[in-house]
Protein backbone atom coordinates (compact mmCIF):
# COMPACT_ATOMS: atom_id res chain seq x y z
CA UNK A 1 19.81 -1.85 -3.30
CA UNK A 2 17.58 -0.16 -5.76
CA UNK A 3 16.86 3.57 -6.10
CA UNK A 4 13.38 4.77 -6.31
CA UNK A 5 13.38 8.11 -7.99
CA UNK A 6 10.56 10.63 -6.51
CA UNK A 7 9.33 13.96 -7.10
CA UNK A 8 6.86 15.81 -5.05
CA UNK A 9 3.36 16.98 -6.15
CA UNK A 10 2.73 20.41 -6.31
CA UNK A 11 0.83 21.06 -3.12
CA UNK A 12 3.00 18.65 -1.19
CA UNK A 13 4.39 19.83 2.08
CA UNK A 14 7.97 18.91 1.64
CA UNK A 15 8.81 19.26 5.38
CA UNK A 16 7.20 15.92 5.90
CA UNK A 17 10.33 14.52 4.30
CA UNK A 18 10.65 11.19 2.19
CA UNK A 19 9.49 7.69 2.95
CA UNK A 20 11.83 6.25 5.68
CA UNK A 21 12.42 2.76 7.14
CA UNK A 22 11.57 2.87 10.87
CA UNK A 23 14.29 0.39 11.80
CA UNK A 24 17.51 -1.34 10.33
CA UNK A 25 15.42 -4.51 9.66
CA UNK A 26 12.20 -3.03 8.29
CA UNK A 27 11.05 -4.20 4.94
CA UNK A 28 8.80 -1.21 4.27
CA UNK A 29 9.38 2.35 4.26
CA UNK A 30 6.64 4.50 6.08
CA UNK A 31 4.37 6.75 3.89
CA UNK A 32 2.74 9.63 5.49
CA UNK A 33 -0.39 11.49 4.84
CA UNK A 34 0.62 14.70 2.87
CA UNK A 35 -2.93 16.27 2.83
CA UNK A 36 -3.35 19.55 0.54
CA UNK A 37 -5.22 21.39 2.55
CA UNK A 38 -3.45 20.42 5.73
CA UNK A 39 -6.98 19.32 7.24
CA UNK A 40 -7.93 16.28 9.02
CA UNK A 41 -9.64 13.18 7.39
CA UNK A 42 -12.40 11.58 9.46
CA UNK A 43 -13.16 8.07 8.57
CA UNK A 44 -16.26 6.82 10.15
CA UNK A 45 -16.76 2.98 10.52
CA UNK A 46 -17.09 1.45 7.16
CA UNK A 47 -15.83 4.42 5.23
CA UNK A 48 -12.65 4.61 2.90
CA UNK A 49 -10.92 7.36 1.50
CA UNK A 50 -7.88 8.19 -0.87
CA UNK A 51 -5.34 9.74 1.18
CA UNK A 52 -2.50 11.53 -0.74
CA UNK A 53 1.45 11.06 0.18
CA UNK A 54 2.56 14.01 -1.74
CA UNK A 55 4.85 11.97 -3.94
CA UNK A 56 5.30 10.70 -7.43
CA UNK A 57 7.51 7.86 -7.87
CA UNK A 58 9.91 6.40 -10.62
CA UNK A 59 10.25 2.83 -10.02
CA UNK A 60 12.82 0.86 -12.18
CA UNK A 61 11.75 -1.61 -14.85
CA UNK A 62 11.62 -5.00 -13.40
CA UNK A 63 10.16 -3.74 -10.00
CA UNK A 64 6.99 -2.72 -8.23
CA UNK A 65 6.16 -0.75 -5.06
CA UNK A 66 3.59 -2.61 -2.76
CA UNK A 67 1.86 -0.66 -0.50
CA UNK A 68 0.83 -2.29 2.73
CA UNK A 69 -1.27 -1.58 5.82
CA UNK A 70 0.64 -0.70 9.16
CA UNK A 71 -0.05 -3.46 11.48
CA UNK A 72 -0.29 -1.23 14.67
CA UNK A 73 -3.29 1.14 12.84
CA UNK A 74 -5.15 -2.42 11.74
CA UNK A 75 -4.88 -3.92 15.13
CA UNK A 76 -5.48 -0.73 17.55
CA UNK A 77 -7.97 1.17 15.14
CA UNK A 78 -9.30 -1.14 12.45
CA UNK A 79 -7.47 1.05 9.62
CA UNK A 80 -6.94 -1.60 6.57
CA UNK A 81 -5.94 -0.96 2.77
CA UNK A 82 -9.00 -2.95 1.21
CA UNK A 83 -6.81 -3.34 -1.60
CA UNK A 84 -3.72 -4.54 0.03
CA UNK A 85 -1.20 -5.08 -1.13
CA UNK A 86 -1.78 -2.07 -3.69
CA UNK A 87 0.55 -2.22 -6.51
CA UNK A 88 2.31 0.64 -8.09
CA UNK A 89 3.71 -0.14 -11.64
CA UNK A 90 6.97 0.88 -12.70
CA UNK A 91 5.46 3.06 -15.79
CA UNK A 92 3.05 4.80 -13.20
CA UNK A 93 4.29 8.44 -12.94
CA UNK A 94 1.21 9.90 -10.98
CA UNK A 95 0.50 10.96 -7.43
CA UNK A 96 0.82 8.00 -4.88
CA UNK A 97 -2.46 7.86 -2.95
CA UNK A 98 -3.38 5.20 -0.51
CA UNK A 99 -6.83 4.18 -0.08
CA UNK A 100 -7.48 3.58 3.70
CA UNK A 101 -10.79 2.02 5.23
CA UNK A 102 -12.01 2.06 8.77
CA UNK A 103 -13.07 -1.32 9.77
CA UNK A 104 -13.19 -0.28 13.53
CA UNK A 105 -16.06 0.85 15.68
CA UNK A 106 -15.13 4.48 16.15
CA UNK A 107 -14.42 7.19 13.89
CA UNK A 108 -10.50 7.43 12.94
CA UNK A 109 -8.72 10.78 12.45
CA UNK A 110 -6.09 11.16 9.82
CA UNK A 111 -3.88 13.92 10.66
CA UNK A 112 -1.51 15.72 7.94
CA UNK A 113 1.72 14.02 8.57
CA UNK A 114 0.49 10.77 10.22
CA UNK A 115 2.35 7.45 8.79
CA UNK A 116 -0.39 5.77 7.11
CA UNK A 117 1.22 2.75 5.33
CA UNK A 118 4.23 1.31 4.24
CA UNK A 119 5.83 0.75 0.63
CA UNK A 120 7.91 -2.45 0.18
CA UNK A 121 10.11 -2.56 -3.44
CA UNK A 122 9.52 -5.80 -4.85
CA UNK A 123 11.07 -7.59 -8.08
CA UNK A 124 8.40 -8.49 -11.04
CA UNK A 125 8.50 -11.64 -12.88
CA UNK A 126 6.34 -11.35 -16.38
CA UNK A 127 4.99 -14.68 -17.72
CA UNK A 128 3.87 -15.51 -20.78
CA UNK A 129 0.49 -17.48 -21.01
CA UNK A 130 -0.54 -20.25 -23.42
CA UNK A 131 -3.49 -22.71 -23.41
CA UNK A 132 -3.15 -26.13 -22.41
CA UNK A 133 -4.49 -29.11 -20.86
CA UNK A 134 -3.98 -28.88 -16.93
CA UNK A 135 -1.95 -31.48 -15.02
CA UNK A 136 -3.82 -33.53 -12.41
CA UNK A 137 -3.03 -32.92 -8.56
CA UNK A 138 -4.36 -34.55 -5.34
CA UNK A 139 -6.22 -31.38 -4.50
CA UNK A 140 -7.59 -31.08 -8.02
CA UNK A 141 -10.35 -28.22 -8.21
CA UNK A 142 -10.87 -27.97 -4.58
CA UNK A 143 -11.21 -24.22 -3.54
CA UNK A 144 -12.01 -22.43 -0.46
CA UNK A 145 -11.49 -24.71 2.63
CA UNK A 146 -11.03 -27.79 0.74
CA UNK A 147 -7.76 -28.61 2.50
CA UNK A 148 -9.35 -28.43 5.77
CA UNK A 149 -9.28 -26.18 8.89
CA UNK A 150 -6.44 -27.58 11.04
C-alpha cells in the first residue's frame, strides 16, 4: 500500500472528510466538491468548470494520481472530465481541482460535498528517448480506424 500525504487548502470544509474508497474492491477513491463559498456550481450543457476539492497532495516519487470520471455521472448526466485521466505529478503541491464538463442535454448542479470524480494511485515508469530507425510492423503507419470496425 502507498501512502498519499495531504493537507487542506485554507478555505476547505474539513467536515467533508478525506477521499475514501466506496467499496472493498474500488480502484478509485472518491473526490468531493469542496466549494470555497459553499454555493452551487451550475454547468449548462457544453460548459466546463474547475471544481475545487479542498485538498493538496504529496504523492511519493515514482507514483502519480490519475483523476477519472465517475461512471454514474457520465451515464446519467453526461458529466465528464475532458482531460481524463487527469494526471497529478509527484512534485505538484498546489490545490487539487477537477475539470468537469457537461455533455448532457440539461443543466447540472454541483452541490458542495458532491462526489465529483475518483482518484487512482498508479506507478510511473520513466523512459529515455533516442532517435532510431523504426522497425516495420504489419500495421505500419495505419492510424485511426485502420484495423477495422469489427
